[in-house]
Protein backbone atom coordinates (compact mmCIF):
# COMPACT_ATOMS: atom_id res chain seq x y z
CA MET A 1 22.24 -2.43 8.08
CA ASN A 2 19.73 -4.91 6.65
CA PRO A 3 16.40 -5.43 8.41
CA VAL A 4 14.46 -8.40 9.68
CA VAL A 5 11.14 -8.57 7.83
CA LYS A 6 8.03 -10.32 9.10
CA GLY A 7 5.09 -10.55 6.68
CA PHE A 8 1.46 -11.19 7.61
CA PHE A 9 -0.70 -12.37 4.71
CA ASP A 10 -4.44 -11.62 4.83
CA PRO A 11 -6.24 -14.19 2.65
CA GLU A 12 -9.44 -12.14 2.50
CA THR A 13 -7.76 -9.25 0.64
CA TRP A 14 -4.55 -10.94 -0.59
CA THR A 15 -2.64 -8.22 1.27
CA VAL A 16 0.67 -8.45 3.12
CA THR A 17 1.40 -6.32 6.18
CA TYR A 18 5.06 -6.00 7.14
CA VAL A 19 6.80 -5.45 10.45
CA VAL A 20 10.37 -4.29 9.79
CA TYR A 21 12.93 -4.21 12.58
CA GLU A 22 16.55 -4.82 13.58
CA LYS A 23 16.12 -7.41 16.34
CA PRO A 24 13.81 -8.25 19.26
CA GLY A 25 13.58 -5.26 21.57
CA SER A 26 14.38 -2.75 18.83
CA SER A 27 12.33 -0.10 17.07
CA CYS A 28 10.11 -1.10 14.16
CA ILE A 29 7.94 0.20 11.37
CA ILE A 30 4.67 -1.33 10.14
CA ILE A 31 3.78 -1.12 6.43
CA ASP A 32 0.32 -1.51 4.84
CA SER A 33 -1.88 -2.79 7.66
CA VAL A 34 -5.33 -4.35 7.23
CA LEU A 35 -8.63 -3.78 9.01
CA ALA A 36 -11.11 -6.47 7.98
CA TYR A 37 -14.28 -5.11 6.36
CA ASP A 38 -17.36 -7.10 5.38
CA PRO A 39 -18.99 -5.40 2.36
CA LYS A 40 -22.24 -7.29 2.94
CA SER A 41 -22.85 -6.06 6.48
CA GLY A 42 -20.66 -2.97 6.63
CA ARG A 43 -19.00 -4.32 9.77
CA THR A 44 -15.31 -4.28 10.59
CA HIS A 45 -13.16 -6.50 12.75
CA THR A 46 -9.54 -6.37 13.82
CA LYS A 47 -8.19 -9.92 13.52
CA PRO A 48 -5.48 -9.12 10.89
CA ALA A 49 -4.27 -6.14 12.92
CA ASP A 50 -4.40 -8.04 16.21
CA GLU A 51 -1.96 -10.61 14.80
CA VAL A 52 0.49 -7.78 14.10
CA ILE A 53 -0.01 -6.29 17.56
CA GLU A 54 0.62 -9.66 19.20
CA PHE A 55 3.88 -10.11 17.25
CA VAL A 56 5.12 -6.60 18.05
CA ARG A 57 4.42 -7.03 21.76
CA ARG A 58 5.84 -10.56 21.93
CA ASN A 59 9.11 -9.34 20.42
CA GLU A 60 9.10 -6.20 22.61
CA LEU A 61 9.32 -3.93 19.57
CA LYS A 62 8.75 -0.18 19.74
CA THR A 63 6.57 1.04 16.87
CA GLU A 64 7.94 4.28 15.45
CA TRP A 65 6.04 4.54 12.17
CA ILE A 66 2.91 3.10 10.57
CA LEU A 67 3.39 3.57 6.83
CA GLU A 68 1.03 3.43 3.86
CA THR A 69 2.45 2.88 0.38
CA HIS A 70 -0.71 4.53 -1.05
CA ALA A 71 -4.44 4.94 -0.47
CA HIS A 72 -5.43 1.33 -1.11
CA ALA A 73 -8.51 0.37 -3.10
CA ASP A 74 -8.59 -3.29 -2.06
CA HIS A 75 -8.48 -3.17 1.72
CA VAL A 76 -9.10 -0.82 4.62
CA THR A 77 -6.08 0.31 6.62
CA ALA A 78 -5.84 -0.47 10.32
CA ALA A 79 -3.40 2.38 10.97
CA PRO A 80 -5.44 4.24 13.62
CA TYR A 81 -6.18 0.99 15.45
CA LEU A 82 -2.50 0.04 15.49
CA LYS A 83 -1.53 3.52 16.62
CA SER A 84 -4.00 3.36 19.52
CA HIS A 85 -2.41 0.09 20.74
CA LEU A 86 1.23 0.47 19.76
CA GLY A 87 1.91 4.17 19.30
CA GLY A 88 3.87 5.49 16.33
CA LYS A 89 3.12 8.05 13.63
CA ILE A 90 1.01 7.43 10.52
CA ALA A 91 2.72 8.52 7.30
CA ILE A 92 2.08 8.43 3.55
CA GLY A 93 3.55 10.07 0.45
CA ASP A 94 2.98 13.81 0.09
CA HIS A 95 1.09 13.41 -3.20
CA ILE A 96 -1.87 11.97 -1.27
CA SER A 97 -3.44 15.42 -1.60
CA VAL A 98 -3.91 14.76 -5.33
CA VAL A 99 -5.81 11.55 -4.58
CA GLN A 100 -7.89 13.28 -1.89
CA GLY A 101 -8.84 16.03 -4.33
CA VAL A 102 -10.06 13.54 -6.93
CA PHE A 103 -12.09 11.41 -4.55
CA LYS A 104 -13.53 14.30 -2.58
CA GLY A 105 -15.32 15.14 -5.79
CA ILE A 106 -16.30 11.57 -6.67
CA PHE A 107 -17.75 10.91 -3.22
CA HIS A 108 -19.01 14.49 -2.72
CA LEU A 109 -17.43 14.53 0.74
CA GLU A 110 -18.27 17.08 3.39
CA PRO A 111 -17.10 20.64 2.52
CA GLY A 112 -14.76 20.66 5.51
CA PHE A 113 -12.80 17.61 4.34
CA PRO A 114 -9.25 18.96 3.76
CA VAL A 115 -7.32 17.84 0.69
CA ASN A 116 -3.87 18.66 2.06
CA GLY A 117 -2.97 15.35 3.72
CA SER A 118 -3.39 16.79 7.21
CA GLN A 119 -5.24 13.64 8.32
CA PHE A 120 -1.84 11.90 8.44
CA ASP A 121 0.83 12.58 11.06
CA GLN A 122 3.49 13.08 8.41
CA LEU A 123 3.72 13.36 4.63
CA LEU A 124 6.86 11.91 3.07
CA LYS A 125 8.72 13.42 0.14
CA ASP A 126 10.69 11.52 -2.50
CA ASN A 127 14.07 10.39 -1.10
CA GLN A 128 13.16 11.53 2.42
CA GLU A 129 14.76 9.37 5.10
CA ILE A 130 13.43 8.60 8.55
CA ARG A 131 15.26 6.67 11.23
CA PHE A 132 13.87 4.05 13.56
CA GLY A 133 16.44 2.80 16.03
CA ASN A 134 19.61 1.85 14.17
CA LEU A 135 17.77 1.46 10.87
CA SER A 136 16.82 4.03 8.26
CA MET A 137 13.97 4.07 5.75
CA LYS A 138 14.07 5.99 2.46
CA ALA A 139 10.82 6.91 0.69
CA LEU A 140 10.83 6.37 -3.09
CA PHE A 141 8.17 8.10 -5.19
CA VAL A 142 6.80 5.48 -7.62
CA PRO A 143 3.53 6.75 -9.15
CA GLY A 144 1.59 5.04 -11.91
CA HIS A 145 -0.81 2.71 -10.13
CA THR A 146 -1.98 5.88 -8.36
CA PRO A 147 -0.46 9.37 -8.57
CA ALA A 148 0.72 9.13 -4.96
CA CYS A 149 2.40 5.72 -4.60
CA MET A 150 5.51 5.33 -2.48
CA ALA A 151 7.92 2.43 -2.07
CA TYR A 152 10.05 2.18 1.07
CA GLN A 153 13.70 1.10 1.13
CA VAL A 154 15.28 -0.24 4.31
CA GLY A 155 18.81 -1.59 3.79
CA ASP A 156 18.70 -4.29 1.12
CA ALA A 157 14.89 -4.46 1.16
CA ILE A 158 12.32 -2.46 -0.82
CA PHE A 159 8.61 -2.60 -0.05
CA VAL A 160 7.18 -1.94 -3.48
CA GLY A 161 3.50 -1.37 -2.71
CA ASP A 162 1.37 -1.99 -5.80
CA THR A 163 3.95 -1.14 -8.45
CA MET A 164 4.59 -4.81 -9.22
CA PHE A 165 3.78 -8.32 -8.02
CA MET A 166 5.57 -11.65 -7.99
CA PRO A 167 7.11 -12.48 -11.39
CA ASP A 168 4.32 -14.90 -12.35
CA VAL A 169 1.63 -12.31 -11.54
CA GLY A 170 3.07 -9.22 -13.24
CA THR A 171 2.32 -5.59 -12.52
CA ALA A 172 -0.34 -3.30 -11.07
CA ARG A 173 -3.31 -1.89 -12.94
CA CYS A 174 -3.26 1.75 -14.02
CA ASP A 175 -6.93 2.50 -14.71
CA PHE A 176 -7.86 4.06 -11.38
CA PRO A 177 -8.29 7.87 -11.37
CA GLY A 178 -4.83 9.39 -11.82
CA GLY A 179 -3.20 6.11 -12.86
CA ASP A 180 -0.89 6.05 -15.86
CA ALA A 181 0.91 3.15 -17.56
CA HIS A 182 3.76 5.32 -18.87
CA THR A 183 4.42 6.60 -15.36
CA LEU A 184 4.23 3.10 -13.87
CA TYR A 185 6.78 1.82 -16.39
CA GLN A 186 9.22 4.54 -15.29
CA SER A 187 8.57 3.80 -11.62
CA MET A 188 9.29 0.11 -12.09
CA LYS A 189 12.47 0.91 -13.99
CA LYS A 190 13.48 2.99 -10.98
CA ILE A 191 13.00 0.07 -8.60
CA LEU A 192 14.60 -2.45 -10.95
CA SER A 193 17.72 -0.29 -11.25
CA PHE A 194 18.72 -1.28 -7.70
CA PRO A 195 21.36 -4.02 -7.26
CA LEU A 196 20.22 -7.43 -8.49
CA GLN A 197 20.29 -8.99 -5.01
CA THR A 198 17.95 -6.33 -3.56
CA ARG A 199 15.01 -8.00 -1.81
CA LEU A 200 11.59 -6.89 -3.05
CA PHE A 201 8.51 -7.31 -0.85
CA MET A 202 5.08 -7.24 -2.48
CA CYS A 203 1.97 -5.63 -1.02
CA HIS A 204 -0.16 -8.43 -2.49
CA ASP A 205 0.08 -11.91 -3.90
CA TYR A 206 -2.50 -13.54 -6.17
CA PRO A 207 -0.97 -17.00 -6.68
CA PRO A 208 -1.68 -18.53 -10.12
CA ASN A 209 -1.91 -22.24 -10.83
CA GLY A 210 -2.31 -23.17 -7.17
CA ARG A 211 1.21 -22.21 -6.12
CA PRO A 212 1.75 -21.36 -2.43
CA VAL A 213 1.50 -17.74 -1.38
CA ASN A 214 4.82 -15.92 -1.72
CA PHE A 215 5.57 -12.23 -1.41
CA GLU A 216 9.36 -11.90 -1.47
CA THR A 217 11.52 -11.86 -4.59
CA THR A 218 14.56 -9.96 -5.91
CA VAL A 219 15.39 -7.39 -8.54
CA ALA A 220 17.18 -10.15 -10.46
CA GLU A 221 14.12 -12.41 -10.50
CA GLU A 222 11.78 -9.61 -11.55
CA ARG A 223 14.08 -8.51 -14.37
CA LYS A 224 14.43 -12.09 -15.57
CA SER A 225 10.91 -13.43 -15.21
CA ASN A 226 8.21 -10.80 -14.59
CA ILE A 227 5.53 -11.68 -17.13
CA HIS A 228 4.76 -8.00 -17.80
CA MET A 229 8.07 -6.25 -17.19
CA HIS A 230 11.12 -8.48 -17.73
CA ASP A 231 14.26 -7.13 -19.39
CA GLY A 232 13.63 -6.44 -23.06
CA ILE A 233 10.05 -5.22 -22.68
CA SER A 234 9.81 -1.75 -24.23
CA GLU A 235 7.73 1.06 -22.79
CA GLU A 236 5.42 0.89 -25.83
CA GLN A 237 4.89 -2.85 -25.36
CA PHE A 238 4.16 -2.39 -21.67
CA ILE A 239 1.68 0.44 -22.21
CA GLU A 240 -0.18 -1.55 -24.89
CA MET A 241 -0.33 -4.64 -22.65
CA ARG A 242 -1.38 -2.70 -19.56
CA THR A 243 -4.04 -0.66 -21.36
CA THR A 244 -5.55 -3.74 -23.02
CA ARG A 245 -5.50 -5.78 -19.82
CA ASP A 246 -6.90 -3.01 -17.61
CA ALA A 247 -9.93 -2.67 -19.89
CA THR A 248 -10.93 -6.23 -18.92
CA LEU A 249 -10.60 -5.89 -15.13
CA GLU A 250 -13.45 -5.44 -12.70
CA MET A 251 -13.28 -2.91 -9.90
CA PRO A 252 -11.93 -4.28 -6.59
CA VAL A 253 -14.67 -5.47 -4.25
CA LEU A 254 -13.75 -2.96 -1.53
CA ILE A 255 -12.79 0.08 -3.62
CA LEU A 256 -15.77 2.22 -2.58
CA PRO A 257 -15.50 1.77 1.20
CA ALA A 258 -11.71 1.47 1.25
CA ILE A 259 -10.89 4.68 -0.60
CA GLN A 260 -13.28 6.75 1.52
CA ILE A 261 -11.63 5.51 4.70
CA ASN A 262 -8.02 5.34 3.53
CA ILE A 263 -7.84 8.95 2.32
CA ARG A 264 -8.81 9.84 5.92
CA ALA A 265 -5.74 7.95 7.25
CA GLY A 266 -8.05 5.12 8.31
CA GLU A 267 -10.62 7.15 10.21
CA LEU A 268 -14.33 6.73 9.48
CA PRO A 269 -16.37 9.67 8.14
CA PRO A 270 -17.79 11.99 10.80
CA LYS A 271 -20.71 10.47 12.70
CA GLU A 272 -24.11 11.82 11.84
CA ALA A 273 -26.78 12.94 14.29
CA ASN A 274 -27.70 9.35 15.16
CA GLY A 275 -24.10 8.52 16.13
CA ILE A 276 -23.39 6.33 13.08
CA SER A 277 -20.77 6.84 10.35
CA TYR A 278 -21.92 6.36 6.77
CA LEU A 279 -20.05 5.54 3.56
CA LYS A 280 -21.32 6.66 0.18
CA ILE A 281 -21.94 4.62 -2.95
CA PRO A 282 -21.65 6.88 -6.02
CA VAL A 283 -23.90 5.50 -8.76
CA ASN A 284 -22.44 5.39 -12.31
CA ALA A 285 -19.51 7.57 -11.24
CA LEU A 286 -16.57 5.16 -11.67
């Protein structure tokens, strides 16, 4: 059974949150939510998440799962906020423990911070399936951008996370800790081996040349036109391109706050004696 997909684009972070469901009144899953974060003031607000909540309630959907494709470096997840209003379980790929281990060291997190993924309600394994109503989601392990990335397949739709973007944008960077261009190439080949008509939903869109925002394409379109990964591009060519390009990219604006929060399943660090949570800025560490 193929799902209905509703995307919510956040122009501040170029991120798309998805609500995936069968029909009004059915169960749903939410993928890659956004909590707005102002890096200048350190304040958060919930407008992007509130739009999702309003849609879910208006369509009388029952939220079963709140899914993360990976620990994002470009936005803060709203998963705990959504769970508090809509219910559901927060899940991520089971390799998140690798990412937690790396960043616990980089941020010198509190000794009691566990690096086993226990902050999430469930850790998903490659090819694991979960049901929500009459629909079923399969988790697909697609590392490369990070060592813990997952894509999610529901019927004829795959939510690809940060493995790739729209054909005129290309593919994800691989220079974050644990990223690897060889591994990303294999992950994209895995996704692009699905039937040509398979719908692919991007986690982000960065429209070039003033084109309108778009975040849905197909396997056929990616294989034909992706500027980094169309048919005929060898692994060696891809690795050379990706390595050269990544060396020119700046760090995402929100990487330092986002990673610290997202590896905690969206929770803030423990409050200190004055009742305030603090995020760390490692100097000359990345």
